[in-house]
């Protein structure tokens, strides 16, 4: 009876090991797919950010290159927003001055007509 129990335990452990091996194989395949997806994503990001830097050289894109390019684009975007705000202020100022000048000209015309 003890021998039967040992055989059953041995069989159960063998099944568990086989299942663990199967899971490991699936996990390795998932990991490889994730790596391929990451590499594809990095390459697409670089192609969008800088078409000449990615894909054309045949080299894989590093994470650092992607991070630097995204930072560069973010910095450029912030500078563009600052410039846009500055131009909006300048435009508003000029419009206000133009309105003031138009009002002054209108007042001058009215005064001139009254004088005539």
PDB file of N, CA and C in Angstrom:
ATOM      1  N   UNK A   1       0.844  -1.209   0.000  1.00  0.00           N
ATOM      2  CA  UNK A   1       0.000   0.000   0.000  1.00  0.00           C
ATOM      3  C   UNK A   1       0.879   1.260   0.000  1.00  0.00           C
ATOM      4  N   UNK A   2       1.952   1.246   0.743  1.00  0.00           N
ATOM      5  CA  UNK A   2       2.872   2.386   0.790  1.00  0.00           C
ATOM      6  C   UNK A   2       3.481   2.615  -0.579  1.00  0.00           C
ATOM      7  N   UNK A   3       3.782   1.490  -1.260  1.00  0.00           N
ATOM      8  CA  UNK A   3       4.362   1.609  -2.608  1.00  0.00           C
ATOM      9  C   UNK A   3       3.366   2.262  -3.561  1.00  0.00           C
ATOM     10  N   UNK A   4       2.111   1.900  -3.438  1.00  0.00           N
ATOM     11  CA  UNK A   4       1.064   2.492  -4.278  1.00  0.00           C
ATOM     12  C   UNK A   4       0.932   3.989  -3.993  1.00  0.00           C
ATOM     13  N   UNK A   5       0.991   4.352  -2.722  1.00  0.00           N
ATOM     14  CA  UNK A   5       0.899   5.756  -2.349  1.00  0.00           C
ATOM     15  C   UNK A   5       2.085   6.549  -2.905  1.00  0.00           C
ATOM     16  N   UNK A   6       3.276   5.960  -2.824  1.00  0.00           N
ATOM     17  CA  UNK A   6       4.473   6.613  -3.373  1.00  0.00           C
ATOM     18  C   UNK A   6       4.355   6.778  -4.889  1.00  0.00           C
ATOM     19  N   UNK A   7       3.870   5.736  -5.556  1.00  0.00           N
ATOM     20  CA  UNK A   7       3.684   5.820  -7.001  1.00  0.00           C
ATOM     21  C   UNK A   7       2.685   6.925  -7.351  1.00  0.00           C
ATOM     22  N   UNK A   8       1.592   7.013  -6.581  1.00  0.00           N
ATOM     23  CA  UNK A   8       0.570   8.039  -6.827  1.00  0.00           C
ATOM     24  C   UNK A   8       1.159   9.429  -6.582  1.00  0.00           C
ATOM     25  N   UNK A   9       1.914   9.577  -5.492  1.00  0.00           N
ATOM     26  CA  UNK A   9       2.541  10.873  -5.193  1.00  0.00           C
ATOM     27  C   UNK A   9       3.552  11.219  -6.279  1.00  0.00           C
ATOM     28  N   UNK A  10       4.346  10.218  -6.698  1.00  0.00           N
ATOM     29  CA  UNK A  10       5.334  10.429  -7.756  1.00  0.00           C
ATOM     30  C   UNK A  10       4.640  10.847  -9.055  1.00  0.00           C
ATOM     31  N   UNK A  11       3.570  10.198  -9.380  1.00  0.00           N
ATOM     32  CA  UNK A  11       2.813  10.513 -10.592  1.00  0.00           C
ATOM     33  C   UNK A  11       2.233  11.919 -10.513  1.00  0.00           C
ATOM     34  N   UNK A  12       1.723  12.252  -9.317  1.00  0.00           N
ATOM     35  CA  UNK A  12       1.150  13.592  -9.131  1.00  0.00           C
ATOM     36  C   UNK A  12       2.234  14.662  -9.272  1.00  0.00           C
ATOM     37  N   UNK A  13       3.402  14.413  -8.690  1.00  0.00           N
ATOM     38  CA  UNK A  13       4.495  15.380  -8.803  1.00  0.00           C
ATOM     39  C   UNK A  13       4.990  15.484 -10.243  1.00  0.00           C
ATOM     40  N   UNK A  14       5.024  14.385 -10.936  1.00  0.00           N
ATOM     41  CA  UNK A  14       5.445  14.396 -12.338  1.00  0.00           C
ATOM     42  C   UNK A  14       4.467  15.221 -13.160  1.00  0.00           C
ATOM     43  N   UNK A  15       3.168  15.068 -12.883  1.00  0.00           N
ATOM     44  CA  UNK A  15       2.151  15.857 -13.579  1.00  0.00           C
ATOM     45  C   UNK A  15       2.318  17.350 -13.284  1.00  0.00           C
ATOM     46  N   UNK A  16       2.592  17.647 -11.986  1.00  0.00           N
ATOM     47  CA  UNK A  16       2.785  19.037 -11.607  1.00  0.00           C
ATOM     48  C   UNK A  16       4.014  19.635 -12.301  1.00  0.00           C
ATOM     49  N   UNK A  17       5.093  18.881 -12.354  1.00  0.00           N
ATOM     50  CA  UNK A  17       6.300  19.354 -13.034  1.00  0.00           C
ATOM     51  C   UNK A  17       6.048  19.577 -14.524  1.00  0.00           C
ATOM     52  N   UNK A  18       5.302  18.660 -15.108  1.00  0.00           N
ATOM     53  CA  UNK A  18       4.978  18.806 -16.526  1.00  0.00           C
ATOM     54  C   UNK A  18       4.135  20.056 -16.744  1.00  0.00           C
ATOM     55  N   UNK A  19       3.161  20.297 -15.853  1.00  0.00           N
ATOM     56  CA  UNK A  19       2.318  21.490 -15.945  1.00  0.00           C
ATOM     57  C   UNK A  19       3.152  22.752 -15.752  1.00  0.00           C
ATOM     58  N   UNK A  20       4.085  22.715 -14.802  1.00  0.00           N
ATOM     59  CA  UNK A  20       4.948  23.873 -14.582  1.00  0.00           C
ATOM     60  C   UNK A  20       5.825  24.140 -15.810  1.00  0.00           C
ATOM     61  N   UNK A  21       6.307  23.094 -16.422  1.00  0.00           N
ATOM     62  CA  UNK A  21       7.102  23.241 -17.643  1.00  0.00           C
ATOM     63  C   UNK A  21       6.277  23.863 -18.761  1.00  0.00           C
ATOM     64  N   UNK A  22       5.035  23.427 -18.871  1.00  0.00           N
ATOM     65  CA  UNK A  22       4.134  23.969 -19.882  1.00  0.00           C
ATOM     66  C   UNK A  22       3.881  25.455 -19.624  1.00  0.00           C
ATOM     67  N   UNK A  23       3.644  25.817 -18.353  1.00  0.00           N
ATOM     68  CA  UNK A  23       3.424  27.222 -17.989  1.00  0.00           C
ATOM     69  C   UNK A  23       4.659  28.070 -18.288  1.00  0.00           C
ATOM     70  N   UNK A  24       5.839  27.503 -17.971  1.00  0.00           N
ATOM     71  CA  UNK A  24       7.081  28.230 -18.246  1.00  0.00           C
ATOM     72  C   UNK A  24       7.232  28.494 -19.738  1.00  0.00           C
ATOM     73  N   UNK A  25       6.892  27.507 -20.523  1.00  0.00           N
ATOM     74  CA  UNK A  25       6.965  27.667 -21.972  1.00  0.00           C
ATOM     75  C   UNK A  25       6.021  28.766 -22.447  1.00  0.00           C
ATOM     76  N   UNK A  26       4.802  28.787 -21.912  1.00  0.00           N
ATOM     77  CA  UNK A  26       3.832  29.829 -22.269  1.00  0.00           C
ATOM     78  C   UNK A  26       4.320  31.209 -21.835  1.00  0.00           C
ATOM     79  N   UNK A  27       4.878  31.285 -20.622  1.00  0.00           N
ATOM     80  CA  UNK A  27       5.392  32.554 -20.119  1.00  0.00           C
ATOM     81  C   UNK A  27       6.554  33.068 -20.980  1.00  0.00           C
ATOM     82  N   UNK A  28       7.428  32.175 -21.393  1.00  0.00           N
ATOM     83  CA  UNK A  28       8.542  32.575 -22.269  1.00  0.00           C
ATOM     84  C   UNK A  28       8.023  33.118 -23.602  1.00  0.00           C
ATOM     85  N   UNK A  29       7.005  32.455 -24.135  1.00  0.00           N
ATOM     86  CA  UNK A  29       6.412  32.914 -25.392  1.00  0.00           C
ATOM     87  C   UNK A  29       5.760  34.282 -25.209  1.00  0.00           C
ATOM     88  N   UNK A  30       5.053  34.471 -24.083  1.00  0.00           N
ATOM     89  CA  UNK A  30       4.438  35.771 -23.792  1.00  0.00           C
ATOM     90  C   UNK A  30       5.497  36.849 -23.640  1.00  0.00           C
ATOM     91  N   UNK A  31       6.579  36.523 -22.950  1.00  0.00           N
ATOM     92  CA  UNK A  31       7.670  37.481 -22.758  1.00  0.00           C
ATOM     93  C   UNK A  31       8.283  37.868 -24.104  1.00  0.00           C
ATOM     94  N   UNK A  32       8.493  36.904 -24.959  1.00  0.00           N
ATOM     95  CA  UNK A  32       9.058  37.200 -26.273  1.00  0.00           C
ATOM     96  C   UNK A  32       8.120  38.089 -27.088  1.00  0.00           C
ATOM     97  N   UNK A  33       6.822  37.811 -27.040  1.00  0.00           N
ATOM     98  CA  UNK A  33       5.847  38.647 -27.740  1.00  0.00           C
ATOM     99  C   UNK A  33       5.868  40.069 -27.185  1.00  0.00           C
ATOM    100  N   UNK A  34       5.955  40.189 -25.858  1.00  0.00           N
ATOM    101  CA  UNK A  34       5.993  41.519 -25.230  1.00  0.00           C
ATOM    102  C   UNK A  34       7.241  42.275 -25.666  1.00  0.00           C
ATOM    103  N   UNK A  35       8.381  41.592 -25.739  1.00  0.00           N
ATOM    104  CA  UNK A  35       9.623  42.247 -26.206  1.00  0.00           C
ATOM    105  C   UNK A  35       9.474  42.727 -27.651  1.00  0.00           C
ATOM    106  N   UNK A  36       8.891  41.881 -28.480  1.00  0.00           N
ATOM    107  CA  UNK A  36       8.697  42.257 -29.883  1.00  0.00           C
ATOM    108  C   UNK A  36       7.749  43.444 -30.006  1.00  0.00           C
ATOM    109  N   UNK A  37       6.684  43.435 -29.194  1.00  0.00           N
ATOM    110  CA  UNK A  37       5.742  44.559 -29.216  1.00  0.00           C
ATOM    111  C   UNK A  37       6.410  45.842 -28.752  1.00  0.00           C
ATOM    112  N   UNK A  38       7.249  45.754 -27.719  1.00  0.00           N
ATOM    113  CA  UNK A  38       7.967  46.932 -27.221  1.00  0.00           C
ATOM    114  C   UNK A  38       8.907  47.470 -28.293  1.00  0.00           C
ATOM    115  N   UNK A  39       9.635  46.591 -28.938  1.00  0.00           N
ATOM    116  CA  UNK A  39      10.565  47.023 -29.989  1.00  0.00           C
ATOM    117  C   UNK A  39       9.797  47.666 -31.141  1.00  0.00           C
ATOM    118  N   UNK A  40       8.678  47.076 -31.501  1.00  0.00           N
ATOM    119  CA  UNK A  40       7.850  47.641 -32.566  1.00  0.00           C
ATOM    120  C   UNK A  40       7.319  49.013 -32.164  1.00  0.00           C
ATOM    121  N   UNK A  41       6.881  49.134 -30.909  1.00  0.00           N
ATOM    122  CA  UNK A  41       6.373  50.418 -30.419  1.00  0.00           C
ATOM    123  C   UNK A  41       7.466  51.473 -30.441  1.00  0.00           C
ATOM    124  N   UNK A  42       8.659  51.115 -29.948  1.00  0.00           N
ATOM    125  CA  UNK A  42       9.769  52.071 -29.939  1.00  0.00           C
ATOM    126  C   UNK A  42      10.100  52.524 -31.360  1.00  0.00           C
ATOM    127  N   UNK A  43      10.117  51.587 -32.276  1.00  0.00           N
ATOM    128  CA  UNK A  43      10.433  51.930 -33.664  1.00  0.00           C
ATOM    129  C   UNK A  43       9.366  52.843 -34.255  1.00  0.00           C
ATOM    130  N   UNK A  44       8.083  52.545 -33.969  1.00  0.00           N
ATOM    131  CA  UNK A  44       7.007  53.401 -34.479  1.00  0.00           C
ATOM    132  C   UNK A  44       7.094  54.796 -33.892  1.00  0.00           C
ATOM    133  N   UNK A  45       7.389  54.891 -32.580  1.00  0.00           N
ATOM    134  CA  UNK A  45       7.528  56.208 -31.954  1.00  0.00           C
ATOM    135  C   UNK A  45       8.638  56.989 -32.631  1.00  0.00           C
ATOM    136  N   UNK A  46       9.760  56.349 -32.854  1.00  0.00           N
ATOM    137  CA  UNK A  46      10.883  57.048 -33.483  1.00  0.00           C
ATOM    138  C   UNK A  46      10.567  57.408 -34.938  1.00  0.00           C
ATOM    139  N   UNK A  47       9.825  56.560 -35.628  1.00  0.00           N
ATOM    140  CA  UNK A  47       9.463  56.884 -37.003  1.00  0.00           C
ATOM    141  C   UNK A  47       8.562  58.097 -37.049  1.00  0.00           C
ATOM    142  N   UNK A  48       7.662  58.202 -36.090  1.00  0.00           N
ATOM    143  CA  UNK A  48       6.778  59.356 -36.026  1.00  0.00           C
ATOM    144  C   UNK A  48       7.561  60.597 -35.627  1.00  0.00           C
ATOM    145  N   UNK A  49       8.440  60.440 -34.634  1.00  0.00           N
ATOM    146  CA  UNK A  49       9.201  61.577 -34.122  1.00  0.00           C
ATOM    147  C   UNK A  49      10.294  62.020 -35.087  1.00  0.00           C
ATOM    148  N   UNK A  50      10.952  61.077 -35.670  1.00  0.00           N
ATOM    149  CA  UNK A  50      12.096  61.390 -36.520  1.00  0.00           C
ATOM    150  C   UNK A  50      12.266  60.287 -37.555  1.00  0.00           C
ATOM    151  N   UNK A  51      11.557  60.379 -38.676  1.00  0.00           N
ATOM    152  CA  UNK A  51      11.588  59.307 -39.665  1.00  0.00           C
ATOM    153  C   UNK A  51      12.993  58.952 -40.143  1.00  0.00           C
ATOM    154  N   UNK A  52      13.888  59.936 -40.218  1.00  0.00           N
ATOM    155  CA  UNK A  52      15.235  59.641 -40.705  1.00  0.00           C
ATOM    156  C   UNK A  52      16.051  58.867 -39.683  1.00  0.00           C
ATOM    157  N   UNK A  53      15.677  58.951 -38.396  1.00  0.00           N
ATOM    158  CA  UNK A  53      16.455  58.298 -37.345  1.00  0.00           C
ATOM    159  C   UNK A  53      16.067  56.847 -37.127  1.00  0.00           C
ATOM    160  N   UNK A  54      14.879  56.483 -37.511  1.00  0.00           N
ATOM    161  CA  UNK A  54      14.406  55.128 -37.224  1.00  0.00           C
ATOM    162  C   UNK A  54      14.069  54.378 -38.494  1.00  0.00           C
ATOM    163  N   UNK A  55      14.330  53.100 -38.455  1.00  0.00           N
ATOM    164  CA  UNK A  55      13.910  52.255 -39.560  1.00  0.00           C
ATOM    165  C   UNK A  55      14.846  52.294 -40.749  1.00  0.00           C
ATOM    166  N   UNK A  56      15.330  53.436 -41.111  1.00  0.00           N
ATOM    167  CA  UNK A  56      16.137  53.536 -42.315  1.00  0.00           C
ATOM    168  C   UNK A  56      17.537  52.964 -42.102  1.00  0.00           C
ATOM    169  N   UNK A  57      18.026  52.993 -40.873  1.00  0.00           N
ATOM    170  CA  UNK A  57      19.372  52.501 -40.611  1.00  0.00           C
ATOM    171  C   UNK A  57      19.396  51.000 -40.379  1.00  0.00           C
ATOM    172  N   UNK A  58      18.236  50.421 -40.097  1.00  0.00           N
ATOM    173  CA  UNK A  58      18.162  48.994 -39.834  1.00  0.00           C
ATOM    174  C   UNK A  58      18.539  48.633 -38.410  1.00  0.00           C
ATOM    175  N   UNK A  59      18.952  49.606 -37.620  1.00  0.00           N
ATOM    176  CA  UNK A  59      19.318  49.351 -36.222  1.00  0.00           C
ATOM    177  C   UNK A  59      18.078  49.437 -35.353  1.00  0.00           C
ATOM    178  N   UNK A  60      18.098  48.684 -34.244  1.00  0.00           N
ATOM    179  CA  UNK A  60      16.966  48.781 -33.331  1.00  0.00           C
ATOM    180  C   UNK A  60      17.087  50.073 -32.529  1.00  0.00           C
ATOM    181  N   UNK A  61      15.961  50.580 -32.137  1.00  0.00           N
ATOM    182  CA  UNK A  61      15.899  51.843 -31.419  1.00  0.00           C
ATOM    183  C   UNK A  61      15.999  51.550 -29.932  1.00  0.00           C
ATOM    184  N   UNK A  62      16.847  52.313 -29.237  1.00  0.00           N
ATOM    185  CA  UNK A  62      16.984  52.098 -27.797  1.00  0.00           C
ATOM    186  C   UNK A  62      15.909  52.874 -27.055  1.00  0.00           C
ATOM    187  N   UNK A  63      15.637  52.415 -25.842  1.00  0.00           N
ATOM    188  CA  UNK A  63      14.652  53.104 -25.009  1.00  0.00           C
ATOM    189  C   UNK A  63      15.114  54.535 -24.733  1.00  0.00           C
ATOM    190  N   UNK A  64      16.422  54.714 -24.542  1.00  0.00           N
ATOM    191  CA  UNK A  64      16.956  56.043 -24.257  1.00  0.00           C
ATOM    192  C   UNK A  64      16.711  56.980 -25.436  1.00  0.00           C
ATOM    193  N   UNK A  65      16.856  56.486 -26.661  1.00  0.00           N
ATOM    194  CA  UNK A  65      16.593  57.317 -27.840  1.00  0.00           C
ATOM    195  C   UNK A  65      15.135  57.759 -27.866  1.00  0.00           C
ATOM    196  N   UNK A  66      14.236  56.832 -27.556  1.00  0.00           N
ATOM    197  CA  UNK A  66      12.812  57.158 -27.542  1.00  0.00           C
ATOM    198  C   UNK A  66      12.531  58.207 -26.468  1.00  0.00           C
ATOM    199  N   UNK A  67      13.089  57.994 -25.271  1.00  0.00           N
ATOM    200  CA  UNK A  67      12.871  58.935 -24.170  1.00  0.00           C
ATOM    201  C   UNK A  67      13.409  60.309 -24.531  1.00  0.00           C
ATOM    202  N   UNK A  68      14.604  60.367 -25.102  1.00  0.00           N
ATOM    203  CA  UNK A  68      15.192  61.662 -25.478  1.00  0.00           C
ATOM    204  C   UNK A  68      14.352  62.361 -26.543  1.00  0.00           C
ATOM    205  N   UNK A  69      13.864  61.606 -27.499  1.00  0.00           N
ATOM    206  CA  UNK A  69      13.063  62.213 -28.570  1.00  0.00           C
ATOM    207  C   UNK A  69      11.740  62.734 -28.016  1.00  0.00           C
ATOM    208  N   UNK A  70      11.112  61.966 -27.140  1.00  0.00           N
ATOM    209  CA  UNK A  70       9.845  62.409 -26.543  1.00  0.00           C
ATOM    210  C   UNK A  70      10.080  63.657 -25.702  1.00  0.00           C
ATOM    211  N   UNK A  71      11.192  63.686 -24.955  1.00  0.00           N
ATOM    212  CA  UNK A  71      11.531  64.888 -24.178  1.00  0.00           C
ATOM    213  C   UNK A  71      11.733  66.093 -25.086  1.00  0.00           C
ATOM    214  N   UNK A  72      12.457  65.871 -26.173  1.00  0.00           N
ATOM    215  CA  UNK A  72      12.714  66.956 -27.119  1.00  0.00           C
ATOM    216  C   UNK A  72      11.404  67.510 -27.677  1.00  0.00           C
ATOM    217  N   UNK A  73      10.514  66.622 -28.060  1.00  0.00           N
ATOM    218  CA  UNK A  73       9.227  67.050 -28.606  1.00  0.00           C
ATOM    219  C   UNK A  73       8.420  67.780 -27.542  1.00  0.00           C
ATOM    220  N   UNK A  74       8.468  67.292 -26.310  1.00  0.00           N
ATOM    221  CA  UNK A  74       7.753  67.946 -25.220  1.00  0.00           C
ATOM    222  C   UNK A  74       8.309  69.349 -24.980  1.00  0.00           C
ATOM    223  N   UNK A  75       9.627  69.483 -24.974  1.00  0.00           N
ATOM    224  CA  UNK A  75      10.251  70.803 -24.799  1.00  0.00           C
ATOM    225  C   UNK A  75       9.861  71.754 -25.928  1.00  0.00           C
ATOM    226  N   UNK A  76       9.900  71.247 -27.151  1.00  0.00           N
ATOM    227  CA  UNK A  76       9.519  72.076 -28.304  1.00  0.00           C
ATOM    228  C   UNK A  76       8.060  72.502 -28.192  1.00  0.00           C
ATOM    229  N   UNK A  77       7.219  71.604 -27.720  1.00  0.00           N
ATOM    230  CA  UNK A  77       5.801  71.905 -27.550  1.00  0.00           C
ATOM    231  C   UNK A  77       5.611  73.006 -26.510  1.00  0.00           C
ATOM    232  N   UNK A  78       6.332  72.915 -25.395  1.00  0.00           N
ATOM    233  CA  UNK A  78       6.243  73.951 -24.357  1.00  0.00           C
ATOM    234  C   UNK A  78       6.718  75.297 -24.895  1.00  0.00           C
ATOM    235  N   UNK A  79       7.803  75.292 -25.644  1.00  0.00           N
ATOM    236  CA  UNK A  79       8.308  76.540 -26.225  1.00  0.00           C
ATOM    237  C   UNK A  79       7.300  77.133 -27.199  1.00  0.00           C
ATOM    238  N   UNK A  80       6.660  76.284 -27.968  1.00  0.00           N
ATOM    239  CA  UNK A  80       5.646  76.763 -28.908  1.00  0.00           C
ATOM    240  C   UNK A  80       4.478  77.399 -28.176  1.00  0.00           C
ATOM    241  N   UNK A  81       4.064  76.780 -27.070  1.00  0.00           N
ATOM    242  CA  UNK A  81       2.961  77.355 -26.286  1.00  0.00           C
ATOM    243  C   UNK A  81       3.350  78.708 -25.697  1.00  0.00           C
ATOM    244  N   UNK A  82       4.582  78.819 -25.194  1.00  0.00           N
ATOM    245  CA  UNK A  82       5.042  80.095 -24.655  1.00  0.00           C
ATOM    246  C   UNK A  82       5.063  81.153 -25.749  1.00  0.00           C
ATOM    247  N   UNK A  83       5.567  80.789 -26.907  1.00  0.00           N
ATOM    248  CA  UNK A  83       5.631  81.726 -28.034  1.00  0.00           C
ATOM    249  C   UNK A  83       4.225  82.142 -28.457  1.00  0.00           C
ATOM    250  N   UNK A  84       3.304  81.176 -28.488  1.00  0.00           N
ATOM    251  CA  UNK A  84       1.923  81.471 -28.863  1.00  0.00           C
ATOM    252  C   UNK A  84       1.299  82.454 -27.871  1.00  0.00           C
ATOM    253  N   UNK A  85       1.520  82.236 -26.568  1.00  0.00           N
ATOM    254  CA  UNK A  85       0.982  83.154 -25.560  1.00  0.00           C
ATOM    255  C   UNK A  85       1.575  84.545 -25.731  1.00  0.00           C
ATOM    256  N   UNK A  86       2.866  84.592 -25.984  1.00  0.00           N
ATOM    257  CA  UNK A  86       3.532  85.884 -26.183  1.00  0.00           C
ATOM    258  C   UNK A  86       2.946  86.614 -27.394  1.00  0.00           C
ATOM    259  N   UNK A  87       2.752  85.884 -28.471  1.00  0.00           N
ATOM    260  CA  UNK A  87       2.186  86.497 -29.682  1.00  0.00           C
ATOM    261  C   UNK A  87       0.737  86.933 -29.454  1.00  0.00           C
ATOM    262  N   UNK A  88      -0.010  86.153 -28.673  1.00  0.00           N
ATOM    263  CA  UNK A  88      -1.393  86.533 -28.354  1.00  0.00           C
ATOM    264  C   UNK A  88      -1.419  87.841 -27.566  1.00  0.00           C
ATOM    265  N   UNK A  89      -0.516  87.978 -26.592  1.00  0.00           N
ATOM    266  CA  UNK A  89      -0.437  89.210 -25.810  1.00  0.00           C
ATOM    267  C   UNK A  89      -0.083  90.387 -26.708  1.00  0.00           C
ATOM    268  N   UNK A  90       0.897  90.172 -27.573  1.00  0.00           N
ATOM    269  CA  UNK A  90       1.309  91.237 -28.486  1.00  0.00           C
ATOM    270  C   UNK A  90       0.164  91.635 -29.414  1.00  0.00           C
ATOM    271  N   UNK A  91      -0.541  90.648 -29.919  1.00  0.00           N
ATOM    272  CA  UNK A  91      -1.667  90.913 -30.802  1.00  0.00           C
ATOM    273  C   UNK A  91      -2.765  91.682 -30.067  1.00  0.00           C
ATOM    274  N   UNK A  92      -3.073  91.249 -28.845  1.00  0.00           N
ATOM    275  CA  UNK A  92      -4.092  91.943 -28.051  1.00  0.00           C
ATOM    276  C   UNK A  92      -3.688  93.390 -27.805  1.00  0.00           C
ATOM    277  N   UNK A  93      -2.432  93.600 -27.505  1.00  0.00           N
ATOM    278  CA  UNK A  93      -1.930  94.950 -27.270  1.00  0.00           C
ATOM    279  C   UNK A  93      -2.075  95.805 -28.529  1.00  0.00           C
ATOM    280  N   UNK A  94      -1.709  95.242 -29.651  1.00  0.00           N
ATOM    281  CA  UNK A  94      -1.813  96.003 -30.914  1.00  0.00           C
ATOM    282  C   UNK A  94      -3.266  96.303 -31.270  1.00  0.00           C
ATOM    283  N   UNK A  95      -4.150  95.351 -31.036  1.00  0.00           N
ATOM    284  CA  UNK A  95      -5.575  95.568 -31.315  1.00  0.00           C
ATOM    285  C   UNK A  95      -6.110  96.682 -30.420  1.00  0.00           C
ATOM    286  N   UNK A  96      -5.711  96.658 -29.149  1.00  0.00           N
ATOM    287  CA  UNK A  96      -6.155  97.705 -28.223  1.00  0.00           C
ATOM    288  C   UNK A  96      -5.642  99.074 -28.672  1.00  0.00           C
ATOM    289  N   UNK A  97      -4.379  99.135 -29.093  1.00  0.00           N
ATOM    290  CA  UNK A  97      -3.808 100.402 -29.576  1.00  0.00           C
ATOM    291  C   UNK A  97      -4.524 100.867 -30.842  1.00  0.00           C
ATOM    292  N   UNK A  98      -4.838  99.917 -31.710  1.00  0.00           N
ATOM    293  CA  UNK A  98      -5.529 100.255 -32.953  1.00  0.00           C
ATOM    294  C   UNK A  98      -6.922 100.805 -32.656  1.00  0.00           C
ATOM    295  N   UNK A  99      -7.611 100.186 -31.715  1.00  0.00           N
ATOM    296  CA  UNK A  99      -8.944 100.676 -31.336  1.00  0.00           C
ATOM    297  C   UNK A  99      -8.847 102.080 -30.748  1.00  0.00           C
ATOM    298  N   UNK A 100      -7.833 102.291 -29.924  1.00  0.00           N
ATOM    299  CA  UNK A 100      -7.639 103.607 -29.317  1.00  0.00           C
ATOM    300  C   UNK A 100      -7.341 104.650 -30.405  1.00  0.00           C
ATOM    301  N   UNK A 101      -6.484 104.269 -31.365  1.00  0.00           N
ATOM    302  CA  UNK A 101      -6.153 105.188 -32.449  1.00  0.00           C
ATOM    303  C   UNK A 101      -7.393 105.486 -33.293  1.00  0.00           C
ATOM    304  N   UNK A 102      -8.199 104.458 -33.565  1.00  0.00           N
ATOM    305  CA  UNK A 102      -9.425 104.671 -34.345  1.00  0.00           C
ATOM    306  C   UNK A 102     -10.378 105.604 -33.615  1.00  0.00           C
ATOM    307  N   UNK A 103     -10.483 105.401 -32.308  1.00  0.00           N
ATOM    308  CA  UNK A 103     -11.356 106.269 -31.516  1.00  0.00           C
ATOM    309  C   UNK A 103     -10.831 107.704 -31.540  1.00  0.00           C
ATOM    310  N   UNK A 104      -9.534 107.878 -31.437  1.00  0.00           N
ATOM    311  CA  UNK A 104      -8.933 109.217 -31.490  1.00  0.00           C
ATOM    312  C   UNK A 104      -9.152 109.880 -32.846  1.00  0.00           C
ATOM    313  N   UNK A 105      -9.004 109.099 -33.899  1.00  0.00           N
ATOM    314  CA  UNK A 105      -9.224 109.642 -35.255  1.00  0.00           C
ATOM    315  C   UNK A 105     -10.679 110.054 -35.416  1.00  0.00           C
ATOM    316  N   UNK A 106     -11.579 109.213 -34.931  1.00  0.00           N
ATOM    317  CA  UNK A 106     -13.010 109.530 -35.015  1.00  0.00           C
ATOM    318  C   UNK A 106     -13.317 110.816 -34.242  1.00  0.00           C
ATOM    319  N   UNK A 107     -12.746 110.932 -33.061  1.00  0.00           N
ATOM    320  CA  UNK A 107     -12.951 112.146 -32.260  1.00  0.00           C
ATOM    321  C   UNK A 107     -12.362 113.355 -32.976  1.00  0.00           C
ATOM    322  N   UNK A 108     -11.209 113.186 -33.585  1.00  0.00           N
ATOM    323  CA  UNK A 108     -10.573 114.278 -34.325  1.00  0.00           C
ATOM    324  C   UNK A 108     -11.446 114.708 -35.505  1.00  0.00           C
ATOM    325  N   UNK A 109     -12.007 113.695 -36.225  1.00  0.00           N
ATOM    326  CA  UNK A 109     -12.891 114.014 -37.353  1.00  0.00           C
ATOM    327  C   UNK A 109     -14.107 114.796 -36.877  1.00  0.00           C
ATOM    328  N   UNK A 110     -14.710 114.345 -35.783  1.00  0.00           N
ATOM    329  CA  UNK A 110     -15.890 115.032 -35.246  1.00  0.00           C
ATOM    330  C   UNK A 110     -15.537 116.470 -34.858  1.00  0.00           C
ATOM    331  N   UNK A 111     -14.407 116.640 -34.216  1.00  0.00           N
ATOM    332  CA  UNK A 111     -13.988 117.996 -33.820  1.00  0.00           C
ATOM    333  C   UNK A 111     -13.729 118.845 -35.034  1.00  0.00           C
ATOM    334  N   UNK A 112     -13.107 118.273 -36.041  1.00  0.00           N
ATOM    335  CA  UNK A 112     -12.816 119.018 -37.281  1.00  0.00           C
ATOM    336  C   UNK A 112     -14.101 119.428 -37.983  1.00  0.00           C
ATOM    337  N   UNK A 113     -15.083 118.532 -38.037  1.00  0.00           N
ATOM    338  CA  UNK A 113     -16.362 118.853 -38.671  1.00  0.00           C
ATOM    339  C   UNK A 113     -17.076 119.978 -37.913  1.00  0.00           C
ATOM    340  N   UNK A 114     -16.995 119.937 -36.604  1.00  0.00           N
ATOM    341  CA  UNK A 114     -17.654 120.989 -35.810  1.00  0.00           C
ATOM    342  C   UNK A 114     -16.984 122.331 -36.054  1.00  0.00           C
ATOM    343  N   UNK A 115     -15.661 122.308 -36.211  1.00  0.00           N
ATOM    344  CA  UNK A 115     -14.930 123.535 -36.433  1.00  0.00           C
ATOM    345  C   UNK A 115     -15.260 124.131 -37.817  1.00  0.00           C
ATOM    346  N   UNK A 116     -15.562 123.288 -38.781  1.00  0.00           N
ATOM    347  CA  UNK A 116     -15.851 123.771 -40.120  1.00  0.00           C
ATOM    348  C   UNK A 116     -17.264 124.305 -40.132  1.00  0.00           C
TER     349      UNK A 116
END
